Amino acid sequence: MENSFGPGELSSGDAARMRAGLTGAREQEAIIARAQAARIRHHAALVEVALEQTARMTSRDSREREMPMRSLAAEIAFATHVHDLTAQKELNDAYTLVSKLPATVAALQEARISQRHVTVMLDVGVGIDDDDVREAWEQTVLDFAVKETPGRTKAYARELAEAVNPVGMDERHARAAETRGVSILDLDDGMALLQLRLPAALAYGIRDRIRRQARVIRDEANAERARRGDDPASAPDAGAEPAVDDARTLAQIGADVAADMLLTGAPAIDPTTGDRHPGGLGAIQAHVQVVVPVLTLLGTVGSGASLHGQVPIDPDTARRLTAHAPGWDRVLVHPVTGTVLEVDRYTPRPDQRRFLQARDQHCRGFGCRQPAHRCQIDHNSEHHDGGRTAVGNLAHLCVRHHTLKSETAWTVRQRADGTLEFTSPLGSTYTDDPPPRVVFIPDTDPPPF
């Protein structure tokens, strides 16, 4: 007769396997924590080298003095397949941890806390400028963190920092407000997340106004639906367009309201207004570049198009946008041959710019995704050194990567297929291939079986 077990009961065999699994999980977490601590110290040591290089420079130009650190970040970015901005942030964070929060790094090395705890300590601890106060705060929070989750540690760390920080809230808020900005995060299925970094009072005020307007729209739709249901005479005449119920949720209505106001409204603060209402800012419209495969326009495929060659959008949106386009540039995605692509002047011709924009789509440096229309066109072999203004010597680089290439020992060589070869000051070579431009044509013939 087989043994039966109730909910939560374990056989001796299951219990032994689970104990072994938990022991293994703890051991793996400890290995990871020690490796992460070693990585932090390794990165901090590299930053020391870059800072020593900067200290030896005679130039006082701030941009030139950034180059040792940016070149180091680029070396790491290529070696580890990350964006160089990501690498530079990791370098800066590591140096800050080692120099300002050494006990936190030691606790990670001893596997008493996790990397998530370290992130909390860094995010909150950097706001405490006084070294003695920060050291006392760090030790107190670590005593709490070794027994608690990162989430609870974050709340405790913030509360304690607020109590002990000698810098007043007004000064800290003014400093934090300087970080305000707008950013966008690409999502799947043609969606994106628009983010505003604002003072909390403004952010909550914006959300409240959007919610209030969304409720008015929803309530009016509900009232209209109720009126139609109660009054048979309100039914549409034969042949008339039937009424369409608004089935959107409150959140969906709020998103639509926000998009409508941002795309069609004029800002109240407008230095170009003068006697005009609205002023010049109200006349500025959004501009996006839409790359649309011809087969999408013909409706023969459903693969969609892309914004700036990188963000997918659905086929219907692509067809509606291109229906209003004032003109067309023909861009062949099959290899192009027999075209004159070289001139003897510095500035590329318009047809060369179109070719390069279609080929590159975005900045070609270090995993960068900056759209091509926001980049500069770089002569891979410098023009003043005899480099030609030909597509075989031109590529899009954003300002950051163009400056790094021009003002450090990084060099770029372009192959015949458009692949870029970057050579670092250490002599390492990395390649960047042009974005793929593959089109699959649907086969309408029946299968041969």
Protein backbone atom coordinates (compact mmCIF):
# COMPACT_ATOMS: atom_id res chain seq x y z
CA MET A 1 0.00 0.00 0.00
CA GLU A 2 1.39 3.39 -1.04
CA ASN A 3 1.88 6.07 1.58
CA SER A 4 -0.32 9.15 1.20
CA PHE A 5 0.72 12.65 2.16
CA GLY A 6 -1.35 15.71 2.92
CA PRO A 7 -0.66 19.26 1.72
CA GLY A 8 2.77 20.44 2.84
CA GLU A 9 3.94 17.00 3.92
CA LEU A 10 7.19 15.65 2.47
CA SER A 11 8.55 12.18 2.17
CA SER A 12 11.99 11.62 3.64
CA GLY A 13 13.42 11.40 0.12
CA ASP A 14 11.82 14.66 -1.01
CA ALA A 15 13.00 16.44 2.13
CA ALA A 16 16.57 15.28 1.58
CA ARG A 17 16.55 16.43 -2.04
CA MET A 18 15.14 19.83 -1.09
CA ARG A 19 17.75 20.30 1.67
CA ALA A 20 20.50 19.48 -0.80
CA GLY A 21 19.00 21.89 -3.34
CA LEU A 22 18.78 24.72 -0.81
CA THR A 23 22.36 24.13 0.28
CA GLY A 24 23.44 24.28 -3.34
CA ALA A 25 21.47 27.49 -3.92
CA ARG A 26 23.15 29.17 -0.94
CA GLU A 27 26.57 28.06 -2.15
CA GLN A 28 25.92 29.39 -5.65
CA GLU A 29 24.69 32.73 -4.27
CA ALA A 30 27.89 33.00 -2.24
CA ILE A 31 30.02 32.27 -5.31
CA ILE A 32 28.15 34.91 -7.30
CA ALA A 33 28.47 37.50 -4.51
CA ARG A 34 32.22 36.95 -4.20
CA ALA A 35 32.64 37.22 -7.98
CA GLN A 36 30.61 40.45 -8.06
CA ALA A 37 32.73 41.95 -5.28
CA ALA A 38 35.90 41.01 -7.15
CA ARG A 39 34.49 42.61 -10.29
CA ILE A 40 33.73 45.83 -8.40
CA ARG A 41 37.29 46.02 -7.08
CA HIS A 42 38.69 45.20 -10.52
CA HIS A 43 36.67 47.98 -12.17
CA ALA A 44 37.69 50.45 -9.46
CA ALA A 45 41.36 49.66 -10.09
CA LEU A 46 40.88 50.37 -13.81
CA VAL A 47 39.31 53.72 -12.97
CA GLU A 48 42.41 54.56 -10.93
CA VAL A 49 44.51 54.07 -14.08
CA ALA A 50 42.24 56.38 -16.09
CA LEU A 51 42.33 59.01 -13.34
CA GLU A 52 46.12 58.88 -13.28
CA GLN A 53 46.15 59.42 -17.05
CA THR A 54 43.87 62.43 -16.61
CA ALA A 55 46.08 63.85 -13.86
CA ARG A 56 49.07 63.78 -16.23
CA MET A 57 47.25 65.78 -18.91
CA THR A 58 48.21 69.44 -19.34
CA SER A 59 44.97 70.40 -21.08
CA ARG A 60 42.28 72.05 -18.97
CA ASP A 61 39.57 71.36 -21.56
CA SER A 62 36.85 69.33 -19.82
CA ARG A 63 36.01 67.28 -22.90
CA GLU A 64 39.63 66.29 -23.49
CA ARG A 65 40.02 65.35 -19.84
CA GLU A 66 37.05 62.97 -20.18
CA MET A 67 38.77 60.95 -22.91
CA PRO A 68 40.85 58.53 -20.75
CA MET A 69 37.71 57.42 -18.90
CA ARG A 70 35.63 57.22 -22.06
CA SER A 71 38.33 55.27 -23.88
CA LEU A 72 38.52 52.81 -20.97
CA ALA A 73 34.74 52.39 -21.06
CA ALA A 74 34.92 51.70 -24.79
CA GLU A 75 37.57 49.01 -24.26
CA ILE A 76 35.36 47.25 -21.71
CA ALA A 77 32.24 47.74 -23.84
CA PHE A 78 33.70 45.96 -26.84
CA ALA A 79 35.27 43.22 -24.72
CA THR A 80 32.03 42.48 -22.83
CA HIS A 81 29.46 43.28 -25.55
CA VAL A 82 27.70 46.13 -23.75
CA HIS A 83 27.13 49.79 -24.59
CA ASP A 84 30.05 51.96 -23.52
CA LEU A 85 27.70 54.18 -21.48
CA THR A 86 26.69 51.07 -19.54
CA ALA A 87 30.34 50.19 -19.06
CA GLN A 88 31.18 53.72 -17.91
CA LYS A 89 28.33 53.69 -15.38
CA GLU A 90 29.54 50.37 -14.00
CA LEU A 91 33.07 51.78 -13.72
CA ASN A 92 31.84 54.91 -11.94
CA ASP A 93 29.64 52.88 -9.60
CA ALA A 94 32.51 50.53 -8.75
CA TYR A 95 34.85 53.41 -7.95
CA THR A 96 32.20 55.07 -5.79
CA LEU A 97 31.56 51.85 -3.88
CA VAL A 98 35.23 51.17 -3.19
CA SER A 99 36.03 54.76 -2.25
CA LYS A 100 32.87 55.74 -0.36
CA LEU A 101 31.16 52.51 0.72
CA PRO A 102 33.99 50.02 1.35
CA ALA A 103 32.12 48.13 4.09
CA THR A 104 29.37 47.37 1.58
CA VAL A 105 31.87 45.82 -0.84
CA ALA A 106 33.36 43.79 2.02
CA ALA A 107 29.91 42.50 3.01
CA LEU A 108 29.30 41.42 -0.58
CA GLN A 109 32.70 39.69 -0.67
CA GLU A 110 31.70 37.78 2.47
CA ALA A 111 28.34 36.89 0.85
CA ARG A 112 26.45 38.50 3.73
CA ILE A 113 24.44 40.62 1.28
CA SER A 114 23.53 40.40 -2.42
CA GLN A 115 24.21 42.66 -5.39
CA ARG A 116 20.64 43.96 -5.02
CA HIS A 117 21.49 45.14 -1.51
CA VAL A 118 24.61 46.82 -2.90
CA THR A 119 22.51 48.72 -5.44
CA VAL A 120 20.32 50.02 -2.59
CA MET A 121 23.36 51.12 -0.59
CA LEU A 122 24.81 52.92 -3.60
CA ASP A 123 21.58 54.65 -4.65
CA VAL A 124 20.89 56.01 -1.16
CA GLY A 125 24.41 56.38 0.20
CA VAL A 126 25.73 58.69 -2.53
CA GLY A 127 23.32 61.36 -1.29
CA ILE A 128 25.25 61.65 2.01
CA ASP A 129 28.25 63.92 1.43
CA ASP A 130 29.78 63.89 4.91
CA ASP A 131 32.25 60.97 5.13
CA ASP A 132 31.80 60.32 8.86
CA VAL A 133 28.01 60.45 8.67
CA ARG A 134 27.98 58.17 5.63
CA GLU A 135 30.28 55.65 7.32
CA ALA A 136 28.03 55.45 10.40
CA TRP A 137 24.92 55.22 8.20
CA GLU A 138 26.51 52.46 6.11
CA GLN A 139 27.32 50.26 9.09
CA THR A 140 23.87 50.69 10.63
CA VAL A 141 22.10 49.84 7.38
CA LEU A 142 24.36 46.84 6.75
CA ASP A 143 23.46 45.42 10.15
CA PHE A 144 19.84 45.62 9.02
CA ALA A 145 20.47 44.41 5.45
CA VAL A 146 22.11 41.10 6.38
CA LYS A 147 18.77 39.98 7.85
CA GLU A 148 16.33 41.63 5.44
CA THR A 149 15.34 41.80 1.77
CA PRO A 150 16.60 44.55 -0.57
CA GLY A 151 13.12 46.08 -0.61
CA ARG A 152 12.91 46.47 3.16
CA THR A 153 16.53 47.58 3.26
CA LYS A 154 15.78 50.35 0.77
CA ALA A 155 12.94 51.75 2.88
CA TYR A 156 15.07 51.61 6.04
CA ALA A 157 18.12 53.12 4.32
CA ARG A 158 16.10 56.04 2.99
CA GLU A 159 14.45 56.74 6.33
CA LEU A 160 17.78 56.68 8.17
CA ALA A 161 19.52 58.80 5.52
CA GLU A 162 16.79 61.42 5.82
CA ALA A 163 17.31 61.53 9.58
CA VAL A 164 21.12 61.77 9.60
CA ASN A 165 21.92 63.68 6.41
CA PRO A 166 23.35 67.09 7.37
CA VAL A 167 22.35 68.52 3.98
CA GLY A 168 18.83 69.94 4.13
CA MET A 169 15.94 68.72 2.02
CA ASP A 170 15.75 71.98 0.04
CA GLU A 171 19.34 71.68 -1.12
CA ARG A 172 19.04 67.97 -1.90
CA HIS A 173 15.81 68.49 -3.84
CA ALA A 174 17.36 71.32 -5.88
CA ARG A 175 20.27 69.04 -6.73
CA ALA A 176 17.98 66.15 -7.61
CA ALA A 177 15.78 68.38 -9.77
CA GLU A 178 18.77 68.99 -12.03
CA THR A 179 18.45 65.35 -13.16
CA ARG A 180 14.95 65.86 -14.62
CA GLY A 181 14.48 64.65 -18.17
CA VAL A 182 12.51 62.60 -20.67
CA SER A 183 13.46 59.10 -21.79
CA ILE A 184 11.92 56.27 -23.77
CA LEU A 185 12.17 52.51 -23.37
CA ASP A 186 11.39 50.26 -26.33
CA LEU A 187 8.91 47.46 -25.64
CA ASP A 188 7.66 44.54 -27.70
CA ASP A 189 4.87 44.53 -30.30
CA GLY A 190 5.26 48.13 -31.44
CA MET A 191 4.97 49.68 -27.97
CA ALA A 192 7.25 51.98 -25.98
CA LEU A 193 7.37 53.36 -22.44
CA LEU A 194 7.66 57.17 -22.24
CA GLN A 195 9.18 58.26 -18.92
CA LEU A 196 9.34 61.71 -17.32
CA ARG A 197 11.75 62.41 -14.47
CA LEU A 198 10.20 65.33 -12.60
CA PRO A 199 9.79 66.79 -9.12
CA ALA A 200 7.25 64.61 -7.33
CA ALA A 201 4.68 67.41 -6.98
CA LEU A 202 4.61 67.94 -10.75
CA ALA A 203 4.54 64.21 -11.52
CA TYR A 204 1.61 63.51 -9.20
CA GLY A 205 -0.18 66.63 -10.43
CA ILE A 206 0.14 65.44 -14.05
CA ARG A 207 -1.15 61.98 -13.18
CA ASP A 208 -4.09 63.43 -11.24
CA ARG A 209 -5.10 65.71 -14.10
CA ILE A 210 -4.91 62.87 -16.62
CA ARG A 211 -7.03 60.64 -14.37
CA ARG A 212 -9.64 63.34 -13.85
CA GLN A 213 -9.94 63.96 -17.58
CA ALA A 214 -10.11 60.22 -18.25
CA ARG A 215 -12.94 59.84 -15.74
CA VAL A 216 -14.93 62.61 -17.42
CA ILE A 217 -14.56 60.87 -20.79
CA ARG A 218 -15.53 57.50 -19.32
CA ASP A 219 -18.52 58.91 -17.42
CA GLU A 220 -19.76 60.71 -20.53
CA ALA A 221 -19.48 57.50 -22.55
CA ASN A 222 -21.41 55.59 -19.87
CA ALA A 223 -24.10 58.28 -19.79
CA GLU A 224 -24.44 58.21 -23.57
CA ARG A 225 -24.75 54.44 -23.53
CA ALA A 226 -27.43 54.67 -20.82
CA ARG A 227 -29.39 57.27 -22.82
CA ARG A 228 -29.39 55.08 -25.90
CA GLY A 229 -30.56 52.10 -23.88
CA ASP A 230 -33.41 53.95 -22.16
CA ASP A 231 -34.77 55.83 -25.18
CA PRO A 232 -35.73 53.71 -28.19
CA ALA A 233 -36.20 56.90 -30.19
CA SER A 234 -32.49 57.59 -29.86
CA ALA A 235 -31.65 54.54 -31.97
CA PRO A 236 -29.90 55.50 -35.24
CA ASP A 237 -31.98 55.73 -38.42
CA ALA A 238 -31.70 53.02 -41.01
CA GLY A 239 -28.52 53.48 -43.01
CA ALA A 240 -26.95 55.77 -40.39
CA GLU A 241 -23.64 54.96 -38.78
CA PRO A 242 -24.28 52.90 -35.63
CA ALA A 243 -23.06 54.33 -32.33
CA VAL A 244 -19.79 52.83 -31.14
CA ASP A 245 -19.37 52.14 -27.43
CA ASP A 246 -16.13 53.31 -25.84
CA ALA A 247 -14.76 50.07 -24.41
CA ARG A 248 -11.46 51.55 -23.25
CA THR A 249 -10.36 51.14 -19.66
CA LEU A 250 -9.64 54.17 -17.50
CA ALA A 251 -5.91 53.54 -17.90
CA GLN A 252 -6.21 53.34 -21.69
CA ILE A 253 -8.22 56.57 -21.83
CA GLY A 254 -5.60 58.26 -19.65
CA ALA A 255 -2.80 57.19 -21.98
CA ASP A 256 -4.73 58.49 -25.00
CA VAL A 257 -5.44 61.81 -23.27
CA ALA A 258 -1.77 62.29 -22.37
CA ALA A 259 -0.61 61.48 -25.90
CA ASP A 260 -3.18 63.86 -27.40
CA MET A 261 -2.15 66.75 -25.14
CA LEU A 262 1.57 66.25 -25.71
CA LEU A 263 1.29 65.94 -29.49
CA THR A 264 -1.24 68.70 -30.14
CA GLY A 265 -0.98 71.17 -27.25
CA ALA A 266 1.21 74.27 -27.04
CA PRO A 267 3.34 74.77 -23.89
CA ALA A 268 2.38 77.62 -21.60
CA ILE A 269 6.06 78.53 -21.15
CA ASP A 270 7.17 79.59 -24.64
CA PRO A 271 10.03 82.08 -25.12
CA THR A 272 9.13 82.42 -28.81
CA THR A 273 5.54 83.58 -28.22
CA GLY A 274 5.84 87.35 -28.44
CA ASP A 275 2.58 88.60 -29.92
CA ARG A 276 1.71 85.21 -31.39
CA HIS A 277 -0.57 82.71 -29.72
CA PRO A 278 0.51 79.99 -29.81
CA GLY A 279 4.18 80.74 -30.22
CA GLY A 280 6.86 78.94 -32.14
CA LEU A 281 7.00 75.95 -29.81
CA GLY A 282 3.36 75.18 -30.52
CA ALA A 283 4.14 74.99 -34.22
CA ILE A 284 6.82 72.33 -33.74
CA GLN A 285 5.51 68.89 -34.67
CA ALA A 286 6.87 65.47 -33.85
CA HIS A 287 9.16 63.96 -36.48
CA VAL A 288 9.90 60.27 -36.87
CA GLN A 289 11.58 58.35 -39.64
CA VAL A 290 9.59 55.33 -40.79
CA VAL A 291 11.39 52.53 -42.64
CA VAL A 292 8.73 50.54 -44.51
CA PRO A 293 9.41 47.42 -46.59
CA VAL A 294 7.61 47.66 -49.94
CA LEU A 295 5.87 44.32 -49.34
CA THR A 296 4.31 45.76 -46.19
CA LEU A 297 2.77 48.61 -48.20
CA LEU A 298 1.41 46.14 -50.72
CA GLY A 299 -0.21 44.21 -47.90
CA THR A 300 1.46 40.94 -48.88
CA VAL A 301 3.32 40.49 -45.60
CA GLY A 302 2.52 41.34 -42.00
CA SER A 303 6.04 41.95 -40.74
CA GLY A 304 5.44 45.64 -40.14
CA ALA A 305 7.86 48.54 -40.40
CA SER A 306 10.18 50.31 -38.00
CA LEU A 307 10.77 53.73 -36.49
CA HIS A 308 14.30 54.95 -37.20
CA GLY A 309 15.13 51.45 -38.41
CA GLN A 310 14.98 49.96 -34.93
CA VAL A 311 11.58 50.16 -33.19
CA PRO A 312 8.97 47.83 -34.75
CA ILE A 313 5.51 49.21 -35.57
CA ASP A 314 2.50 47.36 -36.88
CA PRO A 315 1.77 47.20 -40.66
CA ASP A 316 -1.50 49.18 -40.45
CA THR A 317 0.20 52.11 -38.71
CA ALA A 318 3.02 52.02 -41.27
CA ARG A 319 0.58 52.16 -44.20
CA ARG A 320 -1.37 55.05 -42.65
CA LEU A 321 1.80 57.06 -41.98
CA THR A 322 3.24 56.55 -45.46
CA ALA A 323 -0.08 57.46 -47.09
CA HIS A 324 0.61 61.06 -46.02
CA ALA A 325 4.30 61.11 -46.96
CA PRO A 326 5.12 64.06 -49.29
CA GLY A 327 7.58 62.03 -51.39
CA TRP A 328 9.49 58.82 -51.75
CA ASP A 329 13.16 57.84 -51.78
CA ARG A 330 13.80 54.47 -53.38
CA VAL A 331 16.12 52.38 -51.18
CA LEU A 332 17.11 48.96 -52.53
CA VAL A 333 17.80 46.41 -49.83
CA HIS A 334 19.44 44.03 -52.34
CA PRO A 335 23.17 44.67 -52.95
CA VAL A 336 23.59 47.83 -55.08
CA THR A 337 26.28 47.89 -57.76
CA GLY A 338 27.35 50.11 -60.59
CA THR A 339 26.56 53.43 -58.85
CA VAL A 340 28.96 56.36 -58.60
CA LEU A 341 29.37 56.89 -54.85
CA GLU A 342 32.48 59.05 -54.59
CA VAL A 343 33.04 62.82 -54.59
CA ASP A 344 36.05 65.00 -53.87
CA ARG A 345 34.40 67.33 -51.34
CA TYR A 346 34.05 66.99 -47.57
CA THR A 347 30.25 67.09 -47.29
CA PRO A 348 28.43 63.98 -48.58
CA ARG A 349 25.85 64.43 -51.33
CA PRO A 350 22.14 63.99 -50.49
CA ASP A 351 22.03 60.62 -52.29
CA GLN A 352 25.03 59.45 -50.28
CA ARG A 353 23.34 60.54 -47.07
CA ARG A 354 20.22 58.55 -48.01
CA PHE A 355 22.32 55.49 -48.81
CA LEU A 356 24.25 55.73 -45.53
CA GLN A 357 21.09 56.29 -43.50
CA ALA A 358 19.48 53.22 -45.07
CA ARG A 359 22.62 51.13 -44.53
CA ASP A 360 23.57 52.20 -41.01
CA GLN A 361 20.13 53.02 -39.50
CA HIS A 362 21.83 54.01 -36.24
CA CYS A 363 25.20 54.91 -34.73
CA ARG A 364 27.74 52.22 -35.52
CA GLY A 365 29.74 52.60 -32.33
CA PHE A 366 29.87 50.24 -29.34
CA GLY A 367 26.35 48.80 -29.50
CA CYS A 368 24.81 52.27 -29.77
CA ARG A 369 21.20 52.63 -30.98
CA GLN A 370 21.10 56.39 -31.56
CA PRO A 371 19.03 56.86 -34.77
CA ALA A 372 21.09 57.81 -37.82
CA HIS A 373 19.31 61.14 -38.34
CA ARG A 374 20.61 62.26 -34.93
CA CYS A 375 24.19 61.21 -35.71
CA GLN A 376 27.14 62.76 -37.53
CA ILE A 377 28.66 61.24 -40.67
CA ASP A 378 32.26 60.34 -39.92
CA HIS A 379 35.12 59.97 -42.39
CA ASN A 380 36.58 56.68 -41.14
CA SER A 381 39.92 57.70 -42.65
CA GLU A 382 40.09 61.41 -41.82
CA HIS A 383 39.44 63.79 -44.72
CA HIS A 384 42.44 65.95 -43.86
CA ASP A 385 44.62 62.83 -44.13
CA GLY A 386 43.34 62.08 -47.64
CA GLY A 387 40.23 60.13 -46.68
CA ARG A 388 37.63 60.12 -49.45
CA THR A 389 34.06 61.33 -49.22
CA ALA A 390 32.75 57.96 -50.39
CA VAL A 391 30.26 55.63 -48.75
CA GLY A 392 33.11 53.15 -48.34
CA ASN A 393 34.79 55.65 -46.02
CA LEU A 394 31.71 57.10 -44.31
CA ALA A 395 29.58 55.87 -41.42
CA HIS A 396 27.19 57.30 -38.85
CA LEU A 397 28.57 57.95 -35.36
CA CYS A 398 26.75 59.77 -32.58
CA VAL A 399 28.45 62.83 -31.09
CA ARG A 400 29.84 60.81 -28.17
CA HIS A 401 31.44 58.12 -30.32
CA HIS A 402 32.53 60.53 -33.06
CA THR A 403 34.36 62.61 -30.45
CA LEU A 404 35.98 59.53 -28.91
CA LYS A 405 37.23 58.38 -32.31
CA SER A 406 38.53 61.84 -33.26
CA GLU A 407 40.25 62.73 -29.98
CA THR A 408 41.76 59.44 -28.80
CA ALA A 409 43.91 56.70 -30.30
CA TRP A 410 40.86 54.68 -31.41
CA THR A 411 40.85 54.08 -35.19
CA VAL A 412 38.19 52.83 -37.61
CA ARG A 413 38.59 51.03 -40.95
CA GLN A 414 35.67 50.12 -43.19
CA ARG A 415 35.50 46.90 -45.19
CA ALA A 416 33.90 46.66 -48.62
CA ASP A 417 30.66 45.25 -47.16
CA GLY A 418 30.25 48.18 -44.74
CA THR A 419 31.60 46.33 -41.70
CA LEU A 420 33.58 48.64 -39.42
CA GLU A 421 36.79 47.50 -37.75
CA PHE A 422 37.54 49.42 -34.54
CA THR A 423 41.09 49.22 -33.17
CA SER A 424 41.56 50.28 -29.56
CA PRO A 425 44.59 52.00 -28.00
CA LEU A 426 45.54 48.59 -26.55
CA GLY A 427 45.61 47.11 -30.06
CA SER A 428 42.42 45.06 -29.70
CA THR A 429 40.23 44.87 -32.81
CA TYR A 430 36.44 44.72 -32.77
CA THR A 431 33.95 44.64 -35.64
CA ASP A 432 30.49 46.07 -36.16
CA ASP A 433 28.38 44.70 -39.02
CA PRO A 434 25.78 46.83 -40.81
CA PRO A 435 22.23 46.11 -39.60
CA PRO A 436 20.72 43.23 -41.59
CA ARG A 437 18.33 44.17 -44.38
CA VAL A 438 16.72 40.82 -45.18
CA VAL A 439 13.35 40.59 -46.93
CA PHE A 440 11.52 37.28 -47.27
CA ILE A 441 9.14 37.09 -50.22
CA PRO A 442 6.11 34.89 -49.57
CA ASP A 443 5.86 31.85 -51.84
CA THR A 444 2.28 31.39 -53.02
CA ASP A 445 3.00 28.06 -54.74
CA PRO A 446 1.60 25.00 -52.97
CA PRO A 447 4.11 22.72 -51.21
CA PRO A 448 5.50 19.90 -53.39
CA PHE A 449 3.98 17.17 -51.26
